[in-house]
Protein backbone atom coordinates (compact mmCIF):
# COMPACT_ATOMS: atom_id res chain seq x y z
CA MET A 1 -29.52 22.49 -23.02
CA LEU A 2 -33.08 21.41 -23.72
CA GLY A 3 -34.36 24.87 -24.53
CA ALA A 4 -37.14 24.25 -22.05
CA PRO A 5 -38.23 26.49 -19.18
CA LEU A 6 -36.99 25.60 -15.70
CA GLU A 7 -39.64 25.63 -13.01
CA VAL A 8 -39.17 25.26 -9.29
CA PHE A 9 -41.36 22.58 -7.78
CA VAL A 10 -41.10 22.21 -4.02
CA VAL A 11 -41.58 18.89 -2.24
CA ARG A 12 -41.18 18.26 1.49
CA LYS A 13 -40.59 14.85 2.99
CA LEU A 14 -42.72 13.88 6.00
CA GLY A 15 -40.18 12.20 8.26
CA VAL A 16 -40.83 9.84 11.12
CA PRO A 17 -40.08 11.59 14.46
CA GLY A 18 -36.62 10.58 15.63
CA GLN A 19 -35.89 9.01 12.22
CA GLU A 20 -36.51 12.00 9.94
CA GLU A 21 -34.77 10.36 6.97
CA LEU A 22 -37.45 7.64 7.00
CA ALA A 23 -40.36 9.12 5.06
CA PHE A 24 -43.92 8.22 5.94
CA GLY A 25 -45.07 10.55 3.16
CA ALA A 26 -44.47 13.85 1.40
CA LEU A 27 -46.09 17.16 0.45
CA ALA A 28 -45.81 18.88 -2.93
CA SER A 29 -46.67 22.21 -4.50
CA GLY A 30 -50.37 22.48 -5.18
CA GLY A 31 -51.50 21.09 -1.83
CA VAL A 32 -50.76 17.43 -2.57
CA ARG A 33 -50.03 15.04 0.30
CA VAL A 34 -49.03 11.42 -0.31
CA LEU A 35 -48.69 8.96 2.57
CA ASN A 36 -46.80 5.67 2.61
CA GLN A 37 -49.52 3.59 4.27
CA ASP A 38 -47.12 0.68 4.91
CA VAL A 39 -44.87 2.90 7.05
CA VAL A 40 -47.84 4.59 8.74
CA ARG A 41 -49.33 1.20 9.69
CA ARG A 42 -46.03 -0.45 10.64
CA LEU A 43 -45.11 2.40 13.01
CA ASP A 44 -48.72 2.98 14.11
CA LEU A 45 -48.47 6.72 13.45
CA ALA A 46 -51.46 8.56 14.90
CA PRO A 47 -53.52 10.76 12.54
CA ASN A 48 -53.00 13.85 14.75
CA LEU A 49 -49.20 13.32 14.60
CA ILE A 50 -49.34 12.95 10.81
CA ASP A 51 -51.41 16.14 10.57
CA ALA A 52 -49.09 18.11 12.89
CA ILE A 53 -45.96 17.11 10.93
CA SER A 54 -47.77 17.82 7.65
CA GLU A 55 -48.78 21.30 8.82
CA ARG A 56 -45.23 22.15 9.93
CA GLU A 57 -43.78 20.97 6.61
CA ARG A 58 -46.53 22.77 4.65
CA GLY A 59 -45.38 26.03 6.21
CA GLU A 60 -41.78 25.36 5.11
CA LEU A 61 -42.96 24.33 1.62
CA GLU A 62 -44.91 27.57 1.22
CA ARG A 63 -41.99 29.64 2.52
CA ARG A 64 -39.62 28.08 0.00
CA GLU A 65 -42.10 28.38 -2.88
CA HIS A 66 -42.52 32.08 -2.23
CA LEU A 67 -38.79 32.65 -1.72
CA TYR A 68 -37.79 30.75 -4.88
CA ARG A 69 -40.61 31.88 -7.19
CA GLY A 70 -41.38 35.31 -5.80
CA GLU A 71 -44.48 36.79 -7.41
CA ARG A 72 -44.00 34.86 -10.66
CA LEU A 73 -46.89 32.51 -11.41
CA PRO A 74 -46.11 28.81 -11.85
CA THR A 75 -45.64 27.56 -15.41
CA ALA A 76 -48.78 25.94 -16.85
CA LEU A 77 -48.12 22.21 -17.36
CA SER A 78 -51.28 21.18 -19.18
CA GLY A 79 -50.53 19.38 -22.45
CA ARG A 80 -46.74 19.68 -21.98
CA THR A 81 -43.92 17.23 -21.47
CA VAL A 82 -42.72 17.60 -17.88
CA ILE A 83 -39.35 16.32 -16.68
CA ILE A 84 -39.22 15.99 -12.90
CA VAL A 85 -35.62 16.00 -11.67
CA ASP A 86 -34.28 15.06 -8.25
CA ASP A 87 -30.87 14.16 -6.82
CA GLY A 88 -31.94 10.55 -6.32
CA LEU A 89 -34.66 8.20 -5.14
CA ALA A 90 -34.51 6.11 -2.00
CA THR A 91 -38.10 5.32 -0.91
CA GLY A 92 -39.64 7.50 -3.63
CA ALA A 93 -42.06 9.23 -1.22
CA SER A 94 -41.10 12.74 -2.32
CA MET A 95 -41.21 11.80 -5.99
CA ARG A 96 -44.66 10.22 -5.61
CA ALA A 97 -45.94 13.53 -4.24
CA ALA A 98 -44.31 15.44 -7.11
CA ILE A 99 -45.80 13.05 -9.68
CA ALA A 100 -49.28 13.36 -8.15
CA ALA A 101 -49.07 17.17 -8.12
CA VAL A 102 -47.82 17.30 -11.71
CA ARG A 103 -50.40 14.75 -12.92
CA ALA A 104 -53.18 16.93 -11.44
CA GLN A 105 -52.18 19.61 -13.98
CA ALA A 106 -52.80 17.28 -16.97
CA PRO A 107 -49.41 17.17 -18.70
CA ALA A 108 -49.09 15.22 -21.94
CA TRP A 109 -46.06 13.22 -20.77
CA ILE A 110 -44.24 12.80 -17.46
CA VAL A 111 -40.55 11.88 -17.24
CA VAL A 112 -38.69 11.30 -13.98
CA ALA A 113 -34.93 11.86 -14.30
CA VAL A 114 -32.54 11.09 -11.46
CA PRO A 115 -28.84 10.21 -11.46
CA THR A 116 -29.27 7.37 -8.95
CA ALA A 117 -32.12 5.41 -7.40
CA ALA A 118 -32.98 2.22 -5.57
CA ALA A 119 -33.83 -0.45 -8.15
CA GLU A 120 -37.03 -1.45 -6.31
CA THR A 121 -38.21 2.18 -6.16
CA CYS A 122 -37.64 2.58 -9.91
CA SER A 123 -39.69 -0.55 -10.58
CA LEU A 124 -42.60 0.82 -8.53
CA LEU A 125 -42.45 4.37 -9.95
CA ARG A 126 -42.27 3.29 -13.62
CA ALA A 127 -45.98 2.42 -13.42
CA GLU A 128 -46.79 6.02 -12.41
CA VAL A 129 -44.97 7.88 -15.21
CA ASN A 130 -44.40 7.66 -18.95
CA GLU A 131 -40.65 7.36 -18.60
CA LEU A 132 -38.11 7.00 -15.80
CA VAL A 133 -34.40 7.62 -16.40
CA SER A 134 -31.81 6.64 -13.79
CA PRO A 135 -28.39 5.50 -15.00
CA LEU A 136 -27.33 4.12 -11.60
CA THR A 137 -29.76 1.72 -9.87
CA PRO A 138 -27.82 -0.48 -7.44
CA GLU A 139 -29.67 -3.34 -5.71
CA LYS A 140 -28.11 -2.40 -2.33
CA PHE A 141 -28.95 1.29 -2.42
CA GLN A 142 -29.24 2.42 1.26
CA ALA A 143 -29.19 6.24 0.77
CA VAL A 144 -28.90 8.82 -2.03
CA SER A 145 -25.92 10.55 -0.39
CA LEU A 146 -23.77 7.40 -0.60
CA TRP A 147 -23.67 7.67 -4.41
CA TYR A 148 -22.14 11.17 -4.44
CA ASP A 149 -18.59 12.34 -3.76
CA ARG A 150 -20.06 15.58 -2.36
CA PHE A 151 -23.63 15.85 -1.10
CA GLU A 152 -24.08 19.21 0.61
CA GLN A 153 -27.47 20.84 0.92
CA LEU A 154 -27.92 24.03 -1.08
CA THR A 155 -28.79 27.19 0.79
CA ASP A 156 -31.87 29.21 -0.15
CA ALA A 157 -29.54 31.88 -1.57
CA GLU A 158 -27.80 29.33 -3.81
CA VAL A 159 -31.13 28.03 -5.11
CA ARG A 160 -32.33 31.56 -5.87
CA GLU A 161 -29.06 32.37 -7.67
CA LEU A 162 -29.32 29.24 -9.85
CA LEU A 163 -32.97 29.95 -10.68
CA GLU A 164 -32.11 33.56 -11.62
CA LYS A 165 -29.32 32.32 -13.92
CA ALA A 166 -31.72 29.89 -15.58
CA GLU A 167 -34.27 32.67 -16.06
CA GLU A 168 -31.61 34.84 -17.75
CA ILE A 169 -30.85 32.00 -20.17
CA ASP A 170 -34.57 31.62 -21.00
CA ARG A 171 -34.84 35.27 -22.01
């Protein structure tokens, strides 16, 4: 609809052991790691544990990047408007990693677009981007999945199929 190229940008949440949905940080394409120091301090997470979880998730991030992108080089973002899209924002850890990785490539403008997000997270992230769009920002957010009628995870095959369709449209 925008006439803009679609690029895959992989981010992996770093979940607290036993509470994997609680993010203590995230990894993003380009080797970026962002930690939520409040969670790390509050749970007294040891540096070697953080590194071990990061290394495991880095392997999965690299696997998905290769699977989704193949041999195609990433799109150059320098000087461009970049719209980062996600299914929603709870803590914002994954989005912070995506923003940091995108910002490192010197875009002209960064927009975050999500259908739903925690109001507090939106307030914090607005300072990190040029624009943040989220039509549904309830005060009592709890989890992204609660704001969807259906919230299944896509398989790798489904992601590849959607990316191939988008590439056909771009041609």
